[in-house]
Amino acid sequence: VALLEDERVTVELINDGVHLHPSVLDLAYGTAGPDRVALITDAMGAAGMGDGLYPLGPLQVRVENGVAMLPDGSSIAGSTLTLDRVLRRALLVHGLTLPQAVESLSATPARLLGLADSVGSLETGKLADLVVLDSDTYDLVAVMRRGRWAVGGDRFPTVRSA
């Protein structure tokens, strides 16, 4: 709790329902707020993949029901979490507002990495990196990287800056 009360500290949380009890995220938001909580994934190569065995450096990791564990079951071995699922959990499980969740997923990490002048929010002069999610399911619809559609852009008109 002391870290949450220290305004110099930003807390990184893996919101997958495995690494942390849901009450930890609720406590962090209630104490520190979205500008001091960075939602992260700790994703390994099996992120977004099905169950099975995957390499993690020199280790073999078993993924079952989306949970990455060492084969003997002794330890969590990263996560299979993708950021769209982090957002979905923040909204549906924890009741965060969309602006709170987006701030913790983009603006807060960009600020921590010293990149807030170029990424982390949609503003004139910043790189146009964004994802478009379905408004009902929060499933990935499209990805724009540096102002160009990388995935799914055929669904949207081309936008040109003046």
N, C-alpha and C. Protein backbone atom coordinates (compact mmCIF):
# COMPACT_ATOMS: atom_id res chain seq x y z
N VAL A 1 0.83 -1.19 0.00
CA VAL A 1 0.00 0.00 0.00
C VAL A 1 0.88 1.25 0.00
N ALA A 2 2.05 1.18 0.63
CA ALA A 2 2.93 2.35 0.68
C ALA A 2 3.31 2.81 -0.73
N LEU A 3 3.56 1.88 -1.64
CA LEU A 3 3.90 2.25 -3.01
C LEU A 3 2.75 2.96 -3.70
N LEU A 4 1.54 2.55 -3.41
CA LEU A 4 0.38 3.18 -4.03
C LEU A 4 0.19 4.61 -3.54
N GLU A 5 0.62 4.88 -2.33
CA GLU A 5 0.45 6.21 -1.76
C GLU A 5 1.58 7.16 -2.14
N ASP A 6 2.70 6.64 -2.65
CA ASP A 6 3.85 7.46 -3.04
C ASP A 6 3.63 7.95 -4.48
N GLU A 7 3.41 9.24 -4.66
CA GLU A 7 3.08 9.80 -5.97
C GLU A 7 4.21 9.67 -6.98
N ARG A 8 5.41 9.31 -6.55
CA ARG A 8 6.53 9.12 -7.47
C ARG A 8 6.50 7.75 -8.14
N VAL A 9 5.64 6.87 -7.65
CA VAL A 9 5.61 5.48 -8.11
C VAL A 9 4.43 5.24 -9.05
N THR A 10 4.72 4.60 -10.17
CA THR A 10 3.67 4.10 -11.06
C THR A 10 3.69 2.58 -10.96
N VAL A 11 2.53 2.00 -10.79
CA VAL A 11 2.41 0.56 -10.57
C VAL A 11 2.05 -0.12 -11.88
N GLU A 12 2.82 -1.14 -12.26
CA GLU A 12 2.51 -1.95 -13.44
C GLU A 12 1.75 -3.18 -12.99
N LEU A 13 0.59 -3.41 -13.60
CA LEU A 13 -0.24 -4.54 -13.22
C LEU A 13 -0.57 -5.40 -14.44
N ILE A 14 -0.46 -6.72 -14.26
CA ILE A 14 -0.83 -7.67 -15.30
C ILE A 14 -2.26 -8.10 -14.99
N ASN A 15 -3.20 -7.56 -15.74
CA ASN A 15 -4.62 -7.77 -15.47
C ASN A 15 -5.16 -8.95 -16.28
N ASP A 16 -4.69 -10.16 -15.92
CA ASP A 16 -5.15 -11.34 -16.64
C ASP A 16 -6.00 -12.26 -15.78
N GLY A 17 -6.22 -11.90 -14.52
CA GLY A 17 -7.00 -12.75 -13.63
C GLY A 17 -6.20 -13.92 -13.10
N VAL A 18 -4.91 -13.99 -13.42
CA VAL A 18 -4.04 -15.08 -12.97
C VAL A 18 -2.93 -14.52 -12.08
N HIS A 19 -2.22 -13.53 -12.58
CA HIS A 19 -1.09 -12.97 -11.84
C HIS A 19 -1.51 -12.28 -10.54
N LEU A 20 -2.65 -11.61 -10.57
CA LEU A 20 -3.11 -10.83 -9.43
C LEU A 20 -4.57 -11.12 -9.13
N HIS A 21 -4.92 -11.05 -7.87
CA HIS A 21 -6.33 -11.13 -7.50
C HIS A 21 -7.00 -9.84 -7.99
N PRO A 22 -8.22 -9.91 -8.47
CA PRO A 22 -8.89 -8.69 -8.98
C PRO A 22 -8.92 -7.54 -7.98
N SER A 23 -8.93 -7.84 -6.70
CA SER A 23 -8.98 -6.76 -5.70
C SER A 23 -7.71 -5.91 -5.71
N VAL A 24 -6.59 -6.46 -6.19
CA VAL A 24 -5.35 -5.68 -6.27
C VAL A 24 -5.51 -4.55 -7.27
N LEU A 25 -6.10 -4.84 -8.41
CA LEU A 25 -6.33 -3.79 -9.40
C LEU A 25 -7.31 -2.75 -8.87
N ASP A 26 -8.35 -3.21 -8.21
CA ASP A 26 -9.32 -2.28 -7.64
C ASP A 26 -8.66 -1.38 -6.60
N LEU A 27 -7.81 -1.93 -5.76
CA LEU A 27 -7.08 -1.16 -4.76
C LEU A 27 -6.16 -0.14 -5.42
N ALA A 28 -5.44 -0.57 -6.45
CA ALA A 28 -4.50 0.33 -7.13
C ALA A 28 -5.23 1.52 -7.75
N TYR A 29 -6.34 1.28 -8.42
CA TYR A 29 -7.09 2.39 -9.02
C TYR A 29 -7.72 3.28 -7.96
N GLY A 30 -8.19 2.68 -6.89
CA GLY A 30 -8.80 3.47 -5.84
C GLY A 30 -7.81 4.34 -5.10
N THR A 31 -6.55 3.90 -5.03
CA THR A 31 -5.52 4.63 -4.29
C THR A 31 -4.69 5.53 -5.20
N ALA A 32 -4.23 4.99 -6.32
CA ALA A 32 -3.28 5.71 -7.18
C ALA A 32 -3.96 6.40 -8.36
N GLY A 33 -4.98 5.80 -8.95
CA GLY A 33 -5.65 6.38 -10.11
C GLY A 33 -4.99 5.97 -11.42
N PRO A 34 -5.68 6.19 -12.55
CA PRO A 34 -5.22 5.70 -13.85
C PRO A 34 -3.91 6.32 -14.34
N ASP A 35 -3.56 7.50 -13.83
CA ASP A 35 -2.31 8.11 -14.27
C ASP A 35 -1.09 7.50 -13.59
N ARG A 36 -1.32 6.65 -12.57
CA ARG A 36 -0.22 5.98 -11.89
C ARG A 36 -0.33 4.46 -11.95
N VAL A 37 -1.25 3.96 -12.76
CA VAL A 37 -1.38 2.53 -13.00
C VAL A 37 -1.12 2.28 -14.47
N ALA A 38 -0.17 1.42 -14.77
CA ALA A 38 0.11 1.01 -16.15
C ALA A 38 -0.34 -0.44 -16.30
N LEU A 39 -1.30 -0.67 -17.16
CA LEU A 39 -1.75 -2.03 -17.42
C LEU A 39 -0.85 -2.64 -18.48
N ILE A 40 -0.25 -3.79 -18.15
CA ILE A 40 0.72 -4.44 -19.04
C ILE A 40 0.32 -5.90 -19.25
N THR A 41 1.08 -6.59 -20.11
CA THR A 41 0.72 -7.97 -20.41
C THR A 41 1.70 -9.02 -19.89
N ASP A 42 2.99 -8.77 -19.85
CA ASP A 42 3.99 -9.79 -19.54
C ASP A 42 3.87 -10.95 -20.53
N ALA A 43 3.48 -10.63 -21.77
CA ALA A 43 3.19 -11.65 -22.76
C ALA A 43 4.45 -12.36 -23.24
N MET A 44 4.29 -13.65 -23.48
CA MET A 44 5.34 -14.47 -24.06
C MET A 44 4.92 -14.84 -25.48
N GLY A 45 5.71 -15.65 -26.16
CA GLY A 45 5.44 -16.01 -27.54
C GLY A 45 4.10 -16.70 -27.78
N ALA A 46 3.49 -17.21 -26.72
CA ALA A 46 2.20 -17.90 -26.87
C ALA A 46 1.02 -16.93 -26.77
N ALA A 47 1.28 -15.64 -26.66
CA ALA A 47 0.20 -14.67 -26.55
C ALA A 47 -0.75 -14.79 -27.73
N GLY A 48 -2.02 -14.92 -27.43
CA GLY A 48 -3.04 -15.01 -28.47
C GLY A 48 -3.11 -16.38 -29.13
N MET A 49 -2.30 -17.32 -28.67
CA MET A 49 -2.28 -18.67 -29.27
C MET A 49 -3.11 -19.63 -28.42
N GLY A 50 -3.29 -20.85 -28.92
CA GLY A 50 -4.05 -21.86 -28.20
C GLY A 50 -3.20 -22.59 -27.18
N ASP A 51 -3.82 -23.54 -26.53
CA ASP A 51 -3.11 -24.37 -25.56
C ASP A 51 -2.03 -25.19 -26.23
N GLY A 52 -0.99 -25.51 -25.47
CA GLY A 52 0.10 -26.32 -26.00
C GLY A 52 1.40 -25.99 -25.32
N LEU A 53 2.50 -26.53 -25.88
CA LEU A 53 3.84 -26.28 -25.37
C LEU A 53 4.51 -25.20 -26.20
N TYR A 54 5.19 -24.26 -25.52
CA TYR A 54 5.85 -23.15 -26.19
C TYR A 54 7.21 -22.90 -25.55
N PRO A 55 8.18 -22.47 -26.36
CA PRO A 55 9.48 -22.13 -25.78
C PRO A 55 9.45 -20.75 -25.13
N LEU A 56 10.19 -20.60 -24.05
CA LEU A 56 10.41 -19.32 -23.40
C LEU A 56 11.88 -19.30 -23.01
N GLY A 57 12.69 -18.75 -23.93
CA GLY A 57 14.15 -18.86 -23.73
C GLY A 57 14.52 -20.33 -23.70
N PRO A 58 15.27 -20.75 -22.70
CA PRO A 58 15.67 -22.16 -22.62
C PRO A 58 14.59 -23.06 -22.00
N LEU A 59 13.49 -22.46 -21.56
CA LEU A 59 12.44 -23.21 -20.88
C LEU A 59 11.34 -23.64 -21.84
N GLN A 60 10.67 -24.69 -21.46
CA GLN A 60 9.45 -25.12 -22.14
C GLN A 60 8.28 -24.72 -21.24
N VAL A 61 7.27 -24.10 -21.82
CA VAL A 61 6.13 -23.62 -21.06
C VAL A 61 4.88 -24.31 -21.57
N ARG A 62 4.03 -24.71 -20.64
CA ARG A 62 2.75 -25.34 -21.00
C ARG A 62 1.64 -24.31 -20.83
N VAL A 63 0.86 -24.12 -21.88
CA VAL A 63 -0.30 -23.23 -21.82
C VAL A 63 -1.54 -24.09 -21.78
N GLU A 64 -2.33 -23.90 -20.73
CA GLU A 64 -3.61 -24.59 -20.59
C GLU A 64 -4.66 -23.58 -20.19
N ASN A 65 -5.75 -23.54 -20.93
CA ASN A 65 -6.83 -22.57 -20.69
C ASN A 65 -6.28 -21.15 -20.65
N GLY A 66 -5.29 -20.88 -21.50
CA GLY A 66 -4.73 -19.54 -21.62
C GLY A 66 -3.72 -19.16 -20.55
N VAL A 67 -3.41 -20.07 -19.62
CA VAL A 67 -2.47 -19.79 -18.54
C VAL A 67 -1.14 -20.46 -18.84
N ALA A 68 -0.07 -19.66 -18.85
CA ALA A 68 1.27 -20.17 -19.12
C ALA A 68 1.96 -20.56 -17.81
N MET A 69 2.34 -21.83 -17.71
CA MET A 69 2.99 -22.35 -16.50
C MET A 69 4.20 -23.19 -16.88
N LEU A 70 5.16 -23.28 -15.97
CA LEU A 70 6.22 -24.26 -16.15
C LEU A 70 5.55 -25.63 -16.14
N PRO A 71 6.10 -26.61 -16.89
CA PRO A 71 5.43 -27.90 -17.01
C PRO A 71 5.14 -28.60 -15.68
N ASP A 72 5.99 -28.36 -14.66
CA ASP A 72 5.74 -29.01 -13.37
C ASP A 72 4.69 -28.27 -12.55
N GLY A 73 4.16 -27.17 -13.08
CA GLY A 73 3.12 -26.42 -12.39
C GLY A 73 3.61 -25.56 -11.25
N SER A 74 4.94 -25.39 -11.13
CA SER A 74 5.50 -24.68 -9.97
C SER A 74 5.46 -23.16 -10.09
N SER A 75 5.26 -22.64 -11.30
CA SER A 75 5.35 -21.19 -11.45
C SER A 75 4.62 -20.72 -12.71
N ILE A 76 4.06 -19.51 -12.61
CA ILE A 76 3.54 -18.83 -13.79
C ILE A 76 4.74 -18.49 -14.66
N ALA A 77 4.60 -18.62 -15.96
CA ALA A 77 5.72 -18.37 -16.88
C ALA A 77 5.31 -17.31 -17.91
N GLY A 78 5.07 -16.10 -17.46
CA GLY A 78 4.61 -15.05 -18.35
C GLY A 78 3.11 -15.16 -18.53
N SER A 79 2.61 -14.50 -19.55
CA SER A 79 1.18 -14.57 -19.81
C SER A 79 0.92 -14.72 -21.30
N THR A 80 -0.30 -15.05 -21.63
CA THR A 80 -0.73 -15.13 -23.02
C THR A 80 -1.65 -13.95 -23.34
N LEU A 81 -1.64 -13.00 -22.47
CA LEU A 81 -2.54 -11.85 -22.53
C LEU A 81 -2.20 -10.90 -23.66
N THR A 82 -3.21 -10.41 -24.36
CA THR A 82 -3.05 -9.36 -25.35
C THR A 82 -3.74 -8.10 -24.80
N LEU A 83 -3.33 -6.93 -25.28
CA LEU A 83 -3.85 -5.68 -24.71
C LEU A 83 -5.34 -5.48 -24.91
N ASP A 84 -5.91 -6.05 -25.96
CA ASP A 84 -7.36 -5.93 -26.11
C ASP A 84 -8.08 -6.65 -24.98
N ARG A 85 -7.52 -7.78 -24.52
CA ARG A 85 -8.11 -8.50 -23.39
C ARG A 85 -7.89 -7.74 -22.08
N VAL A 86 -6.76 -7.06 -21.97
CA VAL A 86 -6.52 -6.22 -20.78
C VAL A 86 -7.60 -5.15 -20.70
N LEU A 87 -7.86 -4.49 -21.83
CA LEU A 87 -8.90 -3.46 -21.87
C LEU A 87 -10.26 -4.04 -21.52
N ARG A 88 -10.59 -5.17 -22.13
CA ARG A 88 -11.89 -5.81 -21.89
C ARG A 88 -12.08 -6.11 -20.40
N ARG A 89 -11.05 -6.68 -19.75
CA ARG A 89 -11.14 -6.99 -18.31
C ARG A 89 -11.27 -5.72 -17.47
N ALA A 90 -10.51 -4.68 -17.85
CA ALA A 90 -10.57 -3.43 -17.08
C ALA A 90 -11.98 -2.85 -17.12
N LEU A 91 -12.63 -2.94 -18.26
CA LEU A 91 -13.98 -2.38 -18.41
C LEU A 91 -15.05 -3.28 -17.81
N LEU A 92 -15.01 -4.56 -18.15
CA LEU A 92 -16.10 -5.46 -17.79
C LEU A 92 -15.96 -6.09 -16.41
N VAL A 93 -14.74 -6.36 -15.98
CA VAL A 93 -14.53 -7.00 -14.68
C VAL A 93 -14.37 -5.95 -13.58
N HIS A 94 -13.63 -4.90 -13.89
CA HIS A 94 -13.28 -3.92 -12.85
C HIS A 94 -14.12 -2.65 -12.92
N GLY A 95 -14.91 -2.47 -13.96
CA GLY A 95 -15.80 -1.33 -14.04
C GLY A 95 -15.12 0.00 -14.29
N LEU A 96 -13.91 -0.02 -14.86
CA LEU A 96 -13.25 1.23 -15.20
C LEU A 96 -13.99 1.88 -16.36
N THR A 97 -13.88 3.17 -16.46
CA THR A 97 -14.44 3.86 -17.63
C THR A 97 -13.47 3.67 -18.78
N LEU A 98 -13.94 3.87 -20.00
CA LEU A 98 -13.07 3.75 -21.16
C LEU A 98 -11.89 4.72 -21.08
N PRO A 99 -12.11 6.00 -20.73
CA PRO A 99 -10.95 6.90 -20.61
C PRO A 99 -9.93 6.45 -19.56
N GLN A 100 -10.38 5.91 -18.42
CA GLN A 100 -9.44 5.43 -17.40
C GLN A 100 -8.61 4.26 -17.93
N ALA A 101 -9.27 3.31 -18.56
CA ALA A 101 -8.57 2.13 -19.07
C ALA A 101 -7.58 2.51 -20.17
N VAL A 102 -8.00 3.36 -21.09
CA VAL A 102 -7.13 3.77 -22.19
C VAL A 102 -5.93 4.55 -21.66
N GLU A 103 -6.14 5.39 -20.68
CA GLU A 103 -5.00 6.13 -20.09
C GLU A 103 -3.97 5.16 -19.52
N SER A 104 -4.43 4.13 -18.81
CA SER A 104 -3.51 3.16 -18.20
C SER A 104 -2.85 2.25 -19.23
N LEU A 105 -3.47 2.08 -20.39
CA LEU A 105 -2.91 1.24 -21.44
C LEU A 105 -1.98 1.99 -22.38
N SER A 106 -2.15 3.30 -22.51
CA SER A 106 -1.38 4.02 -23.52
C SER A 106 -0.66 5.25 -22.99
N ALA A 107 -1.38 6.22 -22.44
CA ALA A 107 -0.74 7.47 -22.02
C ALA A 107 0.23 7.26 -20.87
N THR A 108 -0.16 6.49 -19.87
CA THR A 108 0.73 6.27 -18.72
C THR A 108 2.00 5.54 -19.12
N PRO A 109 1.93 4.41 -19.84
CA PRO A 109 3.19 3.77 -20.27
C PRO A 109 4.05 4.66 -21.17
N ALA A 110 3.43 5.42 -22.07
CA ALA A 110 4.20 6.32 -22.94
C ALA A 110 4.95 7.34 -22.11
N ARG A 111 4.29 7.90 -21.11
CA ARG A 111 4.94 8.87 -20.23
C ARG A 111 6.10 8.23 -19.48
N LEU A 112 5.91 7.03 -18.96
CA LEU A 112 6.96 6.34 -18.21
C LEU A 112 8.17 6.04 -19.07
N LEU A 113 7.94 5.76 -20.34
CA LEU A 113 9.04 5.44 -21.27
C LEU A 113 9.65 6.70 -21.88
N GLY A 114 9.14 7.86 -21.53
CA GLY A 114 9.66 9.10 -22.08
C GLY A 114 9.26 9.33 -23.53
N LEU A 115 8.14 8.73 -23.95
CA LEU A 115 7.69 8.81 -25.34
C LEU A 115 6.41 9.61 -25.51
N ALA A 116 5.96 10.28 -24.47
CA ALA A 116 4.66 10.95 -24.52
C ALA A 116 4.60 12.06 -25.56
N ASP A 117 5.74 12.56 -26.02
CA ASP A 117 5.72 13.59 -27.06
C ASP A 117 5.35 13.02 -28.43
N SER A 118 5.50 11.69 -28.60
CA SER A 118 5.24 11.11 -29.92
C SER A 118 4.15 10.04 -29.93
N VAL A 119 3.86 9.41 -28.81
CA VAL A 119 2.84 8.35 -28.76
C VAL A 119 2.08 8.43 -27.45
N GLY A 120 1.04 7.62 -27.33
CA GLY A 120 0.30 7.51 -26.08
C GLY A 120 -1.05 8.18 -26.09
N SER A 121 -1.28 9.06 -27.05
CA SER A 121 -2.58 9.71 -27.19
C SER A 121 -2.73 10.18 -28.63
N LEU A 122 -3.95 10.46 -29.02
CA LEU A 122 -4.22 10.93 -30.38
C LEU A 122 -4.23 12.45 -30.37
N GLU A 123 -3.13 13.03 -30.86
CA GLU A 123 -2.99 14.48 -30.90
C GLU A 123 -2.21 14.86 -32.15
N THR A 124 -2.45 16.05 -32.63
CA THR A 124 -1.73 16.56 -33.78
C THR A 124 -0.23 16.52 -33.50
N GLY A 125 0.52 16.00 -34.47
CA GLY A 125 1.97 15.94 -34.35
C GLY A 125 2.50 14.63 -33.79
N LYS A 126 1.61 13.79 -33.25
CA LYS A 126 2.05 12.50 -32.72
C LYS A 126 1.88 11.43 -33.78
N LEU A 127 2.61 10.32 -33.62
CA LEU A 127 2.47 9.20 -34.55
C LEU A 127 1.05 8.66 -34.47
N ALA A 128 0.49 8.33 -35.58
CA ALA A 128 -0.88 7.81 -35.62
C ALA A 128 -0.82 6.29 -35.47
N ASP A 129 -0.57 5.84 -34.24
CA ASP A 129 -0.60 4.42 -33.90
C ASP A 129 -1.88 4.18 -33.12
N LEU A 130 -2.76 3.31 -33.64
CA LEU A 130 -4.00 3.07 -32.93
C LEU A 130 -4.57 1.72 -33.30
N VAL A 131 -5.46 1.27 -32.44
CA VAL A 131 -6.23 0.07 -32.73
C VAL A 131 -7.70 0.45 -32.72
N VAL A 132 -8.48 -0.24 -33.52
CA VAL A 132 -9.92 -0.07 -33.55
C VAL A 132 -10.51 -1.38 -33.03
N LEU A 133 -11.36 -1.25 -32.01
CA LEU A 133 -11.98 -2.42 -31.41
C LEU A 133 -13.48 -2.35 -31.62
N ASP A 134 -14.10 -3.51 -31.71
CA ASP A 134 -15.55 -3.58 -31.80
C ASP A 134 -16.15 -2.97 -30.53
N SER A 135 -17.14 -2.11 -30.67
CA SER A 135 -17.69 -1.40 -29.52
C SER A 135 -18.50 -2.29 -28.58
N ASP A 136 -18.89 -3.48 -29.02
CA ASP A 136 -19.65 -4.39 -28.15
C ASP A 136 -18.78 -5.45 -27.51
N THR A 137 -17.88 -6.04 -28.30
CA THR A 137 -17.08 -7.17 -27.82
C THR A 137 -15.65 -6.80 -27.49
N TYR A 138 -15.21 -5.63 -27.94
CA TYR A 138 -13.82 -5.17 -27.80
C TYR A 138 -12.84 -6.07 -28.54
N ASP A 139 -13.33 -6.78 -29.55
CA ASP A 139 -12.45 -7.58 -30.40
C ASP A 139 -11.74 -6.67 -31.38
N LEU A 140 -10.54 -7.05 -31.79
CA LEU A 140 -9.74 -6.27 -32.71
C LEU A 140 -10.41 -6.19 -34.08
N VAL A 141 -10.52 -4.96 -34.61
CA VAL A 141 -11.09 -4.73 -35.93
C VAL A 141 -10.01 -4.26 -36.90
N ALA A 142 -9.16 -3.33 -36.45
CA ALA A 142 -8.14 -2.78 -37.34
C ALA A 142 -6.97 -2.23 -36.52
N VAL A 143 -5.82 -2.09 -37.20
CA VAL A 143 -4.62 -1.53 -36.59
C VAL A 143 -4.02 -0.51 -37.54
N MET A 144 -3.70 0.67 -37.01
CA MET A 144 -2.99 1.68 -37.78
C MET A 144 -1.62 1.89 -37.13
N ARG A 145 -0.58 1.87 -37.94
CA ARG A 145 0.78 2.10 -37.46
C ARG A 145 1.38 3.24 -38.25
N ARG A 146 1.77 4.29 -37.55
CA ARG A 146 2.36 5.48 -38.15
C ARG A 146 1.52 6.04 -39.29
N GLY A 147 0.20 6.05 -39.08
CA GLY A 147 -0.70 6.66 -40.04
C GLY A 147 -1.11 5.78 -41.20
N ARG A 148 -0.68 4.53 -41.21
CA ARG A 148 -1.05 3.60 -42.29
C ARG A 148 -1.73 2.37 -41.70
N TRP A 149 -2.81 1.96 -42.36
CA TRP A 149 -3.51 0.78 -41.88
C TRP A 149 -2.64 -0.44 -42.08
N ALA A 150 -2.40 -1.20 -41.02
CA ALA A 150 -1.63 -2.44 -41.09
C ALA A 150 -2.55 -3.65 -41.16
N VAL A 151 -3.72 -3.54 -40.54
CA VAL A 151 -4.70 -4.63 -40.50
C VAL A 151 -6.09 -4.00 -40.55
N GLY A 152 -6.96 -4.52 -41.40
CA GLY A 152 -8.36 -4.14 -41.39
C GLY A 152 -8.70 -2.75 -41.89
N GLY A 153 -7.76 -2.05 -42.45
CA GLY A 153 -8.01 -0.67 -42.87
C GLY A 153 -8.96 -0.53 -44.03
N ASP A 154 -9.22 -1.62 -44.74
CA ASP A 154 -10.12 -1.55 -45.88
C ASP A 154 -11.56 -1.21 -45.44
N ARG A 155 -11.82 -1.30 -44.16
CA ARG A 155 -13.16 -0.99 -43.63
C ARG A 155 -13.36 0.50 -43.40
N PHE A 156 -12.26 1.28 -43.53
CA PHE A 156 -12.32 2.70 -43.17
C PHE A 156 -11.82 3.54 -44.34
N PRO A 157 -12.39 4.72 -44.49
CA PRO A 157 -11.91 5.61 -45.57
C PRO A 157 -10.50 6.10 -45.25
N THR A 158 -9.75 6.40 -46.27
CA THR A 158 -8.42 6.95 -46.09
C THR A 158 -8.52 8.37 -45.59
N VAL A 159 -7.74 8.69 -44.58
CA VAL A 159 -7.74 10.03 -44.00
C VAL A 159 -6.40 10.66 -44.33
N ARG A 160 -6.44 11.85 -44.87
CA ARG A 160 -5.21 12.57 -45.20
C ARG A 160 -5.14 13.83 -44.37
N SER A 161 -3.95 14.13 -43.89
CA SER A 161 -3.79 15.37 -43.12
C SER A 161 -3.66 16.55 -44.07
N ALA A 162 -4.04 17.72 -43.60
CA ALA A 162 -4.00 18.93 -44.42
C ALA A 162 -2.59 19.50 -44.50
